[in-house]
Every structure is written in structure tokens, then in C-alpha cells.
Protein backbone atom coordinates (compact mmCIF):
# COMPACT_ATOMS: atom_id res chain seq x y z
CA MET A 1 131.56 103.87 109.84
CA SER A 2 131.21 101.04 112.33
CA ASN A 3 129.30 98.79 109.91
CA LEU A 4 129.93 97.63 106.35
CA ILE A 5 127.52 98.49 103.52
CA ILE A 6 126.85 96.22 100.52
CA PRO A 7 125.95 98.55 97.61
CA LEU A 8 123.10 97.08 95.55
CA GLN A 9 120.37 98.13 93.17
CA GLU A 10 116.81 96.95 92.63
CA HIS A 11 115.88 94.22 90.10
CA LEU A 12 119.15 92.30 90.59
CA GLY A 13 119.68 88.59 89.98
CA TYR A 14 116.63 87.69 87.91
CA ASN A 15 118.22 87.34 84.50
CA SER A 16 121.68 86.22 85.70
CA LYS A 17 123.39 85.42 88.98
CA GLU A 18 124.64 88.42 90.94
CA GLU A 19 127.54 87.54 93.23
CA VAL A 20 128.08 89.27 96.58
CA PRO A 21 131.64 90.74 96.72
CA GLU A 22 134.02 88.54 98.71
CA ILE A 23 134.86 91.32 101.19
CA PHE A 24 131.46 90.80 102.86
CA THR A 25 131.12 87.01 102.87
CA PRO A 26 133.43 86.27 105.86
CA TYR A 27 130.75 87.88 108.04
CA PHE A 28 128.05 85.48 106.79
CA LYS A 29 127.31 82.62 109.19
CA ARG A 30 124.23 81.25 107.46
CA ASP A 31 123.44 79.94 103.99
CA TYR A 32 120.37 82.13 103.56
CA TYR A 33 119.43 85.75 104.37
CA ARG A 34 116.19 87.51 103.50
CA LYS A 35 114.44 90.78 104.36
CA SER A 36 110.85 91.50 103.43
CA PHE A 37 108.28 94.30 103.24
CA LYS A 38 104.72 93.85 104.49
CA LYS A 39 102.77 95.08 101.51
CA THR A 40 99.06 95.85 101.67
CA HIS A 41 97.38 95.86 98.29
CA ARG A 42 93.70 95.58 97.52
CA LYS A 43 93.03 95.06 101.24
CA LYS A 44 95.29 92.00 101.36
CA SER A 45 98.63 91.87 103.17
CA LYS A 46 101.59 89.77 102.14
CA LYS A 47 105.34 89.81 102.64
CA GLU A 48 107.41 90.62 99.57
CA SER A 49 111.16 90.12 99.34
CA CYS A 50 113.38 93.20 99.49
CA PHE A 51 116.51 91.10 99.05
CA THR A 52 117.59 87.48 99.30
CA ILE A 53 121.18 86.30 99.75
CA ILE A 54 121.84 82.58 99.18
CA LYS A 55 125.03 80.53 99.39
CA GLY A 56 125.96 78.60 96.25
CA GLU A 57 125.39 74.84 96.26
CA GLU A 58 128.91 73.88 95.21
CA THR A 59 131.01 76.89 96.26
CA ASP A 60 131.42 79.32 99.14
CA ASP A 61 130.13 82.16 96.96
CA TYR A 62 126.95 84.03 97.90
CA TYR A 63 124.40 85.34 95.39
CA VAL A 64 121.86 88.11 95.80
CA GLU A 65 118.43 88.90 94.36
CA THR A 66 116.70 92.23 94.97
CA GLY A 67 113.06 93.15 94.48
CA TYR A 68 111.11 96.36 93.93
CA TYR A 69 112.21 98.04 97.16
CA ILE A 70 114.91 100.58 97.94
CA GLY A 71 116.42 101.29 101.34
CA VAL A 72 118.83 99.86 103.86
CA ASP A 73 118.57 96.90 106.25
CA TRP A 74 120.79 94.54 108.17
CA VAL A 75 122.14 91.37 106.61
CA VAL A 76 124.23 90.55 109.67
CA LYS A 77 122.99 92.68 112.57
CA ASN A 78 125.47 95.35 113.75
CA GLU A 79 128.05 94.27 111.15
CA VAL A 80 126.87 94.22 107.52
CA ALA A 81 123.92 96.02 105.93
CA ALA A 82 122.52 96.04 102.39
CA HIS A 83 121.85 99.41 100.74
CA ILE A 84 119.63 99.26 97.65
CA VAL A 85 119.29 102.24 95.30
CA PRO A 86 116.65 102.84 92.59
CA LYS A 87 118.09 101.61 89.29
CA LEU A 88 116.46 99.87 86.33
CA ASN A 89 119.81 99.25 84.65
CA ASP A 90 123.55 99.49 85.39
CA ILE A 91 123.87 103.07 84.15
CA GLU A 92 120.98 105.28 85.19
CA GLN A 93 119.83 105.91 88.76
CA ILE A 94 116.11 106.58 88.96
CA ASP A 95 115.20 109.94 90.48
CA TYR A 96 112.64 108.56 92.90
CA LEU A 97 112.28 111.98 94.57
CA LYS A 98 111.32 113.53 91.25
CA MET A 99 108.73 110.76 90.85
CA LEU A 100 107.29 111.53 94.27
CA PHE A 101 107.44 115.29 93.75
CA SER A 102 105.57 114.92 90.46
CA SER A 103 102.99 112.62 92.07
CA ILE A 104 102.06 114.86 95.00
CA GLU A 105 100.83 117.50 92.58
CA HIS A 106 97.64 115.42 92.49
CA PRO A 107 95.40 115.31 95.61
CA GLU A 108 94.51 111.64 95.09
CA VAL A 109 98.13 110.67 95.71
CA VAL A 110 98.33 112.62 98.97
CA ASP A 111 95.34 110.63 100.22
CA HIS A 112 97.09 107.28 99.64
CA ILE A 113 100.75 107.79 100.57
CA THR A 114 100.69 106.04 103.94
CA ASP A 115 101.73 102.64 102.52
CA LEU A 116 104.80 103.84 100.62
CA PHE A 117 107.41 103.03 103.24
CA GLU A 118 108.26 100.99 106.32
CA ILE A 119 110.62 102.07 109.11
CA LYS A 120 111.93 99.54 111.63
CA TRP A 121 112.38 101.72 114.69
CA ASP A 122 112.89 98.69 116.95
CA GLN A 123 116.05 97.58 115.09
CA PRO A 124 119.64 98.78 115.72
CA LYS A 125 120.53 101.84 113.65
CA ILE A 126 122.78 101.66 110.60
CA GLU A 127 125.50 104.21 109.86
CA ILE A 128 125.34 105.64 106.34
CA THR A 129 126.47 108.82 104.60
CA GLN A 130 123.98 111.61 104.08
CA GLN A 131 124.07 110.95 100.32
CA GLN A 132 123.00 107.35 100.99
CA ASP A 133 120.02 108.58 102.98
CA LEU A 134 117.04 107.74 100.78
CA LEU A 135 114.44 108.07 103.52
CA THR A 136 114.74 111.59 104.95
CA PRO A 137 114.19 113.54 101.69
CA PHE A 138 111.41 111.10 100.83
CA LEU A 139 109.60 111.78 104.13
CA ILE A 140 110.08 115.52 103.74
CA ILE A 141 108.63 115.66 100.23
CA GLU A 142 105.67 113.56 101.38
CA PHE A 143 105.22 115.98 104.29
CA LEU A 144 105.37 119.01 101.97
CA GLY A 145 102.74 117.42 99.71
CA VAL A 146 100.34 117.00 102.63
CA LEU A 147 101.17 120.49 103.92
CA LYS A 148 100.38 121.97 100.51
CA LYS A 149 96.96 120.34 100.62
CA ILE A 150 96.36 121.76 104.10
CA VAL A 151 97.39 125.26 102.97
CA LYS A 152 95.06 125.06 99.96
CA LYS A 153 92.15 124.36 102.28
CA GLY A 154 93.33 126.94 104.80
CA LEU A 155 95.01 126.40 108.15
CA LYS A 156 92.70 125.20 110.86
CA LYS A 157 91.84 127.93 113.37
CA SER A 158 90.73 127.41 116.95
CA TYR A 159 91.05 128.80 120.46
CA TYR A 160 94.45 128.46 122.09
CA ASN A 161 95.95 129.66 125.37
CA VAL A 162 98.36 132.61 125.44
CA GLU A 163 100.25 134.49 128.14
CA ARG A 164 100.72 138.24 127.80
CA ASN A 165 102.18 140.98 129.99
CA LEU A 166 99.35 143.52 129.65
CA TYR A 167 99.65 147.23 130.41
CA GLY A 168 96.84 148.93 132.33
CA ARG A 169 94.30 146.17 131.87
CA VAL A 170 93.43 142.64 132.91
CA LYS A 171 92.19 139.81 130.73
CA GLY A 172 91.47 136.20 131.65
CA LYS A 173 93.40 134.74 134.58
CA ILE A 174 96.03 136.78 136.43
CA LEU A 175 99.36 134.96 136.77
CA VAL A 176 100.34 136.17 140.21
CA SER A 177 103.84 134.69 140.46
CA LYS A 178 104.91 136.00 137.04
CA THR A 179 103.39 139.41 137.75
CA ILE A 180 105.40 139.68 140.98
CA LYS A 181 108.60 138.38 139.40
CA HIS A 182 108.56 140.44 136.20
CA ASN A 183 106.55 143.55 137.17
CA VAL A 184 106.16 144.26 140.88
CA SER A 185 109.82 143.53 141.60
CA LYS A 186 110.75 146.08 138.91
CA ASN A 187 108.21 148.63 140.16
CA GLU A 188 106.13 148.31 136.97
CA ASN A 189 102.83 148.28 138.83
CA LEU A 190 100.61 148.99 135.82
CA LYS A 191 101.61 145.73 134.10
CA VAL A 192 99.87 142.41 134.79
CA PHE A 193 100.76 138.96 133.44
CA CYS A 194 97.56 137.30 132.25
CA SER A 195 96.58 133.98 130.71
CA TYR A 196 93.62 133.90 128.32
CA GLU A 197 92.39 132.36 125.08
CA GLU A 198 92.74 133.76 121.58
CA PHE A 199 91.18 132.56 118.34
CA GLY A 200 93.39 132.14 115.30
CA ALA A 201 95.87 129.97 113.42
CA ASN A 202 98.64 130.00 116.04
CA THR A 203 97.51 126.64 117.46
CA LYS A 204 99.65 123.78 118.75
CA GLU A 205 99.08 121.81 115.54
CA ASN A 206 100.13 124.67 113.29
CA ARG A 207 103.16 125.55 115.44
CA PHE A 208 104.23 121.93 115.20
CA LEU A 209 103.81 121.91 111.40
CA LYS A 210 105.77 125.15 111.05
CA LYS A 211 108.64 123.72 113.08
CA VAL A 212 108.82 120.67 110.79
CA PHE A 213 108.53 122.97 107.76
CA GLU A 214 111.58 124.91 109.00
CA PHE A 215 113.49 121.65 109.42
CA SER A 216 112.56 120.73 105.87
CA LYS A 217 113.72 124.04 104.40
CA LYS A 218 117.07 123.67 106.14
CA PHE A 219 117.65 120.06 105.10
CA LEU A 220 116.59 119.82 101.45
CA PRO A 221 119.08 122.37 100.01
CA THR A 222 121.91 120.29 101.55
CA TYR A 223 120.80 117.09 99.81
CA GLY A 224 122.93 116.81 96.67
CA LYS A 225 120.61 114.50 94.73
CA LEU A 226 117.58 116.79 94.82
CA THR A 227 117.04 117.92 91.24
CA ASP A 228 113.78 119.86 90.99
CA THR A 229 115.02 122.90 92.90
CA LYS A 230 112.70 125.34 91.09
CA GLY A 231 109.65 123.24 91.89
CA LEU A 232 110.82 123.04 95.49
CA GLN A 233 111.25 126.81 95.77
CA ASP A 234 107.80 127.33 94.25
CA LEU A 235 106.37 124.98 96.86
CA PHE A 236 108.17 126.83 99.67
CA HIS A 237 106.84 130.15 98.39
CA PHE A 238 103.32 128.73 98.25
CA ILE A 239 103.41 127.42 101.83
CA ASN A 240 105.37 130.24 103.54
CA PRO A 241 102.67 132.97 103.63
CA ALA A 242 100.16 130.67 105.32
CA PHE A 243 102.42 130.45 108.38
CA ASP A 244 103.31 134.15 108.67
CA GLU A 245 101.20 134.53 111.82
CA VAL A 246 102.17 131.15 113.26
CA SER A 247 105.01 130.82 115.75
CA SER A 248 107.50 127.98 115.66
CA ASN A 249 108.47 128.45 119.30
CA THR A 250 108.13 125.05 120.89
CA THR A 251 110.37 122.79 122.97
CA ALA A 252 111.75 119.38 122.06
CA ARG A 253 109.70 117.90 124.87
CA GLU A 254 106.50 119.40 123.48
CA LEU A 255 107.36 118.10 120.01
CA ARG A 256 107.96 114.56 121.27
CA GLN A 257 104.74 114.54 123.28
CA PHE A 258 102.62 116.21 120.64
CA LYS A 259 99.54 114.28 119.56
CA SER A 260 97.04 115.30 116.97
CA ASN A 261 93.41 115.31 117.98
CA SER A 262 92.28 116.89 114.77
CA PHE A 263 89.21 115.84 112.84
CA PHE A 264 91.08 116.62 109.62
CA LYS A 265 92.85 113.59 108.18
CA GLU A 266 95.43 115.77 106.43
CA TYR A 267 96.52 117.12 109.82
CA ASP A 268 96.84 113.61 111.22
CA GLU A 269 99.01 112.52 108.29
CA ALA A 270 101.13 115.69 108.42
CA VAL A 271 101.72 115.22 112.15
CA ARG A 272 102.63 111.56 111.63
CA LEU A 273 105.18 112.44 108.95
CA GLY A 274 106.43 115.42 110.94
CA LYS A 275 107.20 113.29 113.97
CA LEU A 276 109.10 110.82 111.79
CA ILE A 277 111.17 113.65 110.31
CA LEU A 278 111.99 115.17 113.69
CA GLU A 279 112.87 111.76 115.07
CA ARG A 280 115.37 111.39 112.22
CA PHE A 281 117.13 114.56 113.40
CA ALA A 282 116.77 113.69 117.10
CA TYR A 283 114.69 116.90 117.39
CA ASN A 284 117.82 118.99 116.79
CA ILE A 285 117.83 121.18 113.67
CA SER A 286 121.66 121.43 113.73
CA ASN A 287 121.84 117.70 112.96
CA THR A 288 120.63 118.32 109.40
CA SER A 289 124.18 119.20 108.26
CA GLN A 290 125.90 116.01 109.42
CA THR A 291 127.74 114.03 106.73
CA THR A 292 127.30 110.66 108.46
CA ILE A 293 123.99 109.70 110.00
CA SER A 294 122.50 106.77 111.87
CA THR A 295 119.25 105.46 110.45
CA PRO A 296 116.87 102.70 111.44
CA PRO A 297 116.40 100.06 108.73
CA PHE A 298 113.77 101.18 106.22
CA TRP A 299 112.21 100.26 102.89
CA ILE A 300 110.45 102.31 100.21
CA ASP A 301 108.01 100.56 97.88
CA MET A 302 109.01 101.52 94.33
CA SER A 303 106.13 99.61 92.72
CA LYS A 304 103.63 101.68 94.73
CA LEU A 305 105.53 104.88 93.92
CA PHE A 306 105.42 103.94 90.23
CA GLU A 307 101.65 103.49 90.52
CA PHE A 308 101.34 107.02 91.91
CA TYR A 309 103.67 108.38 89.23
CA VAL A 310 101.51 106.79 86.53
CA LEU A 311 98.41 108.28 88.15
CA GLY A 312 99.97 111.71 87.81
CA LYS A 313 100.79 111.12 84.15
CA LEU A 314 97.26 109.85 83.43
CA LYS A 315 95.77 112.87 85.19
CA ASP A 316 97.98 115.17 83.12
CA SER A 317 96.58 113.61 79.94
CA PHE A 318 93.00 112.73 80.86
CA LYS A 319 92.18 114.97 83.85
CA GLN A 320 89.02 113.79 85.64
CA ASP A 321 88.33 111.03 83.10
CA VAL A 322 90.67 108.76 85.10
CA LYS A 323 89.38 107.12 88.25
CA PHE A 324 91.99 105.84 90.72
CA GLN A 325 91.56 102.61 92.72
CA TYR A 326 88.09 101.81 91.44
CA LYS A 327 86.56 99.42 93.98
CA TYR A 328 83.79 96.87 93.61
CA PHE A 329 83.04 93.93 95.93
CA GLY A 330 86.63 93.24 96.99
CA ASN A 331 88.10 94.07 93.58
CA GLU A 332 90.27 97.16 93.29
CA LEU A 333 91.44 98.34 89.88
CA ASP A 334 94.50 100.57 89.62
CA PHE A 335 92.81 102.87 87.12
CA ILE A 336 89.72 103.01 84.98
CA LEU A 337 89.54 105.43 82.05
CA LYS A 338 86.22 106.73 80.75
CA SER A 339 86.59 109.41 78.11
CA THR A 340 85.04 110.41 74.81
CA ASP A 341 87.61 108.43 72.81
CA LEU A 342 88.76 105.68 75.19
CA ASN A 343 87.20 103.33 77.72
CA MET A 344 89.83 101.13 79.38
CA VAL A 345 90.92 99.24 82.44
CA ILE A 346 94.53 100.24 83.20
CA ASP A 347 97.10 98.59 85.46
CA ALA A 348 100.55 99.90 86.42
CA LYS A 349 103.26 97.24 86.64
CA TYR A 350 106.75 98.14 87.84
CA LYS A 351 108.27 95.45 85.65
CA PRO A 352 110.72 96.46 82.90
CA LYS A 353 110.35 93.00 81.31
CA TYR A 354 107.10 94.15 79.67
CA LYS A 355 109.24 95.85 77.05
CA ASP A 356 110.01 92.46 75.46
CA SER A 357 107.55 90.04 77.05
CA ARG A 358 104.53 89.79 79.34
CA ASP A 359 103.38 88.24 82.59
CA ASN A 360 100.45 85.88 82.02
CA LYS A 361 99.38 86.11 85.67
CA ASP A 362 99.12 89.89 85.35
CA MET A 363 97.19 89.52 82.12
CA ARG A 364 94.66 87.16 83.68
CA GLN A 365 94.23 89.56 86.58
CA VAL A 366 93.64 92.73 84.57
CA SER A 367 91.48 90.86 82.02
CA GLY A 368 89.35 89.63 84.91
CA TYR A 369 88.80 93.19 86.09
CA ALA A 370 87.70 94.14 82.59
CA ARG A 371 85.00 91.45 82.72
CA LEU A 372 83.30 92.75 85.88
CA LYS A 373 79.66 93.61 85.29
CA ASN A 374 79.98 96.78 87.33
CA VAL A 375 82.91 97.94 85.17
CA TYR A 376 80.82 97.42 82.02
CA GLU A 377 78.00 99.48 83.50
CA TYR A 378 80.37 102.23 84.64
CA LEU A 379 81.98 102.54 81.20
CA HIS A 380 79.01 101.90 78.92
CA GLY A 381 75.87 102.28 81.02
CA GLU A 382 73.13 99.65 81.25
CA THR A 383 72.03 99.82 77.63
CA GLU A 384 70.98 96.73 75.70
CA GLY A 385 73.88 94.72 74.31
CA VAL A 386 76.46 96.45 76.50
CA TYR A 387 77.88 93.13 77.70
CA ASP A 388 78.64 92.04 74.13
CA LYS A 389 81.44 94.59 73.93
CA ILE A 390 85.05 93.82 74.86
CA ILE A 391 86.66 96.33 77.18
CA ASP A 392 90.24 97.30 76.33
CA VAL A 393 92.98 96.75 78.91
CA LEU A 394 96.30 98.56 79.15
CA ILE A 395 99.47 97.68 81.06
CA ILE A 396 101.74 100.66 81.81
CA TYR A 397 105.34 99.75 82.66
CA PRO A 398 108.73 101.53 83.02
CA ASN A 399 110.71 101.83 79.79
CA GLN A 400 113.67 104.18 79.58
CA GLU A 401 113.45 104.21 75.77
CA ALA A 402 109.88 105.51 75.83
CA GLU A 403 108.49 109.01 76.29
CA ASP A 404 107.84 110.51 79.71
CA GLU A 405 104.29 111.55 78.78
CA ILE A 406 101.20 109.44 78.13
CA LYS A 407 99.92 110.46 74.72
CA ILE A 408 96.44 109.45 73.61
CA ASP A 409 97.53 108.41 70.12
CA LYS A 410 100.19 106.06 71.57
CA ILE A 411 97.97 104.06 73.92
CA LYS A 412 96.93 101.39 71.40
CA GLU A 413 100.18 101.41 69.45
CA ASP A 414 101.66 98.26 71.07
CA PRO A 415 99.19 95.34 71.33
CA ILE A 416 100.12 92.42 73.59
CA LYS A 417 100.64 89.24 71.60
CA ASP A 418 98.04 86.47 71.97
CA TYR A 419 95.58 88.72 73.85
CA ILE A 420 92.77 90.64 72.14
CA HIS A 421 92.03 94.25 73.05
CA SER A 422 95.11 94.26 75.30
CA TYR A 423 97.92 96.80 75.04
CA ARG A 424 101.09 97.90 76.78
CA LEU A 425 102.65 101.33 77.10
CA GLY A 426 106.09 102.22 78.39
CA VAL A 427 106.71 105.35 80.44
CA LYS A 428 110.15 106.84 80.91
CA LEU A 429 111.18 107.57 84.49
CA PRO A 430 113.30 110.59 85.49
CA VAL A 431 116.95 109.77 86.15
CA ILE A 432 119.88 111.44 87.89
CA THR A 433 122.87 112.16 85.68
CA LYS A 434 126.48 112.17 86.86
CA ASN A 435 126.44 115.91 87.54
CA GLY A 436 123.39 115.47 89.77
CA GLU A 437 120.89 117.01 87.37
CA GLU A 438 117.66 115.30 86.50
CA THR A 439 116.85 114.38 82.95
CA ILE A 440 113.91 112.79 81.18
CA SER A 441 114.85 113.61 77.61
């Protein structure tokens, strides 16, 4: 490869200094390097650090801190890049694709996946191996999640233009030049090339989606870190029949120029993701088997992905009793739970430190949400004395020693010290073992 890659993991440098290997430091010309992600949360945008590299005060050593983002970006443009993988410790690599795959089972997640990543198309591309490519499988699984939702609703049908060489009849507009070239010149005088409209699913939008779907089916089996192969095959089998009558015949030029004018937001999102995927392969399906690829810098927001993963786990346990992103006058709660046994305000925090401590700023925030008048009325109605009650709050955080399910009897098992009616619950994340298989046991 023409550029060097610094291998890193998320959550580095907070508890102790993490030194950058000396092989990379001769390329550093500054004392400070930082890359950030523009995060939009609760309608507010701010830049959060993906990584920071700082030169030591008394030595020539450089130290690095990484945040809650995975991906690859330049440290020194065209020379050295940082590649950050999903790890909560030094041993286990988090299976972020399994987290996403699990999340897209729930329609609410598919409606909110647009803010999960950032791609810097205007920056020089970085050479990485296919196994270092965190973005392409991520985009494809997102695309498949949206496509599944479209298929559940049914493919959109409309009128579209077709050209047919008809025998003994005429329909629509006669294509004179094609008729002469393909029929008259061959003495097939009973055939006429015609252009006319048909109604059905073989529209430009659906042909585009099928082409991307075929790209996806070719790429994913070659990606060694994909673990849920049965779930993937089930998804393929679910989507395939819907496109039986849809052609994938389209040119690279048509794909590049394709624009969605659909009134269906799922189609707009699927087209957006599809164009990103095809751009990754330079619109050439044979490029999916390359071992070394060039990628624009990109970042994936693991804290947002964790929020979606938690939503899926809550839905598994509480079904429709969980409301996602409850909004009221500029306030947006991660989750609010209203069930027969539990009424709670719940926040997902991608911070492993909750296992042994807490974050007072987080506690003030979630406690404030639990004091909103509208939240009281949603959970308890407008009965007399309702405001005298204290609403429980729960922080859900990643803990690899916990269970991977959210069990009702465990929710209030771990109260947060110094706060009343406040609890924390760890959730185990899926990991990739050395042989490439996923485990959560």
C-alpha cells in the first residue's frame, strides 16, 4: 500500500497514556492532530473527537486518544492514516455488523439510520485491505434493512416505458429506424419495433434497487468478518421473490445519473445508500473481489449504533411498551417505558465506565427528563397527586460480563449510588472470536 496505517481501537487513552508507535512519528510535522465527527443529537449539532494525537511536553513521543467512532481517516494526508476498530477491551473485537443486523429487525431503527456514518468524498482516498473495510458491509446491511421494509410494504408500481419487437401488431409509437434495421433489412415484414408504456414493478427505481441488491449478494459472502450468515441468507430469501419480475439491466451511466423522485421515504433512503455502495465499487461488480481497496475517509458512530442496538433489545423484551425518541418541547428522550409493571425513563450510554462508576452530567440530564410534566402525564395520566410520584430512570451501558438480553427482573437490580430511583443495567455486545465466529455467550 502507498500509505501507512496506524492500527487503533476505540476508547483508547482515557485511563492511561497510549503511545503512538515510533515507526509513524517521523511523518508527524505538528504537535497536534485531531479528526472529528459532526454529530446531530436532539436537534443540536456538535463536533466530537474521533481521535486526537498530541506530542508529549518533555519528549518526542506522541500519544493518542480515541472516542466512540470507528473508521479510517488521514493523520498526515497521503502518507499516514489512522484505522480504528470496534473494541471495548484489548481482547474482544465488537461485532458491529451483528449489532446493526440485529437492530434493523425493528422498523423504528430503519427510520433513523441516516446519522450513523459520515463519508468524506472530497478527501484523498486511503488504501486499506478488504478486511479493514468497515464501511462497505455496514452500508450494505443498512441498505438491506431498508430494502426489507420496502418489500414488506410491496414494491412500488407505476407506468414505465418499454421497447418491444411486436409480431403482427402495433402498439404505442413505431420506432422506424429500429424496425428498418432489425426487421425490414432481414425481410421480417410482419414485425414492428414499438415503444409504449406498461404498468408494473419493473420501474427505474426497482431496477436500480435490484442492481444494488445483486452487488450486495456478491460482496457479503466474501467478507470474512460477517458472522450471521444464516440471518443473511434468510434476508436474501425474503427479498429475492419480490424482484423476480424486475430486470437489473441498466448501464453504469444510468446508475450514476439516477435520481429518486419517489414520494416514499424508504425509496429515497434506499437509493441514497445504493448510490454510496455502487460508488464504493466504482459501478463495477467485479471490483467486489479485490483484496486491496481505496476508500474515502469515513466514520461510523458507535454510540448511535449502541442506542439502536439497545432499542432492539428493549423491543424484544417490552414490545410496543417502549417508545423511542420521545419528544417534548425541544427535549428528546432516548426511550420511555410504560408497561404494567414498569414506568421508566431510559437512556443508552456507550460508556463502559458505568460498570464501576457513573457520570454525574448524564445523571442530571436523564433525571431532568424524568421531571418533565409531559412525561409524568404520559406515564401516569393527569390524576390527582400524580406529580408526587418519583419516576424511575435507567442507564443502559455496554458490559461484556453482563447478559445479552434485557430481563425485566434485572432492571432494578443495580441502583446507582447517591441517586434515588436510579438504576443501571449492562448489556453484553456480540464479539468476533479468533476463528471469525460471533459469540455472545
